[in-house]
Protein backbone atom coordinates (compact mmCIF):
# COMPACT_ATOMS: atom_id res chain seq x y z
CA UNK A 1 103.70 109.86 114.03
CA UNK A 2 103.23 110.09 110.28
CA UNK A 3 105.44 113.18 110.22
CA UNK A 4 108.28 111.19 111.84
CA UNK A 5 108.06 108.63 109.03
CA UNK A 6 107.89 111.20 106.22
CA UNK A 7 110.48 110.56 103.55
CA UNK A 8 111.35 107.09 104.84
CA UNK A 9 110.97 103.92 102.84
CA UNK A 10 108.45 101.71 104.59
CA UNK A 11 109.43 98.64 102.56
CA UNK A 12 111.91 97.63 105.25
CA UNK A 13 109.27 97.99 107.95
CA UNK A 14 106.86 95.90 105.90
CA UNK A 15 109.51 93.27 105.31
CA UNK A 16 110.23 93.02 109.04
CA UNK A 17 106.55 92.70 109.88
CA UNK A 18 106.04 90.17 107.08
CA UNK A 19 108.96 88.06 108.26
CA UNK A 20 107.74 88.12 111.85
CA UNK A 21 104.22 87.10 110.90
CA UNK A 22 105.56 84.53 108.42
CA UNK A 23 107.78 82.89 111.02
CA UNK A 24 104.94 82.64 113.55
CA UNK A 25 102.30 81.44 111.07
CA UNK A 26 104.77 79.08 109.41
CA UNK A 27 105.75 77.61 112.77
CA UNK A 28 102.11 76.99 113.68
CA UNK A 29 101.50 75.36 110.28
CA UNK A 30 104.66 73.26 110.68
CA UNK A 31 103.56 71.98 114.10
CA UNK A 32 100.16 71.04 112.69
CA UNK A 33 101.78 69.20 109.76
CA UNK A 34 104.13 67.27 112.04
CA UNK A 35 101.28 66.34 114.39
CA UNK A 36 99.03 65.16 111.55
CA UNK A 37 101.76 63.50 109.49
CA UNK A 38 103.66 61.51 112.13
CA UNK A 39 106.14 60.31 109.49
CA UNK A 40 109.75 61.12 108.66
CA UNK A 41 108.68 63.05 105.56
CA UNK A 42 106.38 65.27 107.66
CA UNK A 43 109.40 67.00 109.21
CA UNK A 44 110.77 67.82 105.75
CA UNK A 45 107.42 69.19 104.57
CA UNK A 46 107.01 71.18 107.78
CA UNK A 47 110.43 72.77 107.24
CA UNK A 48 109.59 73.74 103.65
CA UNK A 49 106.22 75.16 104.70
CA UNK A 50 107.78 77.15 107.56
CA UNK A 51 110.56 78.68 105.45
CA UNK A 52 108.30 79.21 102.43
CA UNK A 53 105.70 81.04 104.50
CA UNK A 54 108.34 83.25 106.10
CA UNK A 55 109.92 84.08 102.73
CA UNK A 56 106.59 84.70 100.97
CA UNK A 57 105.19 86.98 103.67
CA UNK A 58 108.52 88.82 103.98
CA UNK A 59 108.56 89.51 100.25
CA UNK A 60 104.90 90.53 100.31
CA UNK A 61 105.58 92.91 103.19
CA UNK A 62 108.50 94.44 101.30
CA UNK A 63 106.39 95.04 98.18
CA UNK A 64 103.40 96.39 100.09
CA UNK A 65 105.60 98.62 102.26
CA UNK A 66 107.20 100.07 99.14
CA UNK A 67 103.79 100.79 97.63
CA UNK A 68 102.57 102.45 100.81
CA UNK A 69 105.69 104.65 100.83
CA UNK A 70 105.08 105.80 97.26
CA UNK A 71 101.42 106.41 97.98
CA UNK A 72 102.05 108.42 101.14
CA UNK A 73 104.76 110.77 99.89
CA UNK A 74 104.93 110.27 96.16
CA UNK A 75 107.47 108.52 94.02
CA UNK A 76 110.91 110.00 93.46
CA UNK A 77 111.31 107.95 90.28
CA UNK A 78 110.20 109.55 87.01
CA UNK A 79 106.92 108.16 85.73
CA UNK A 80 106.94 106.32 82.42
């Protein structure tokens, strides 16, 4: 399987996995916040938490996927 991925940038794969996990975890956190808050502001906070978690884990997945790609098959950028 590793041979099929050779030469590909895994940052996009990491971003997709990060977004998927972020949406699920953020949704669970949002439901908990709404259940505990029971106010009008709780829905706003739940929305910010949900979107923030999805964005943060998507960005983290992109960065980590890029690092894994460079580590597996070397960097094509000249080193400084």
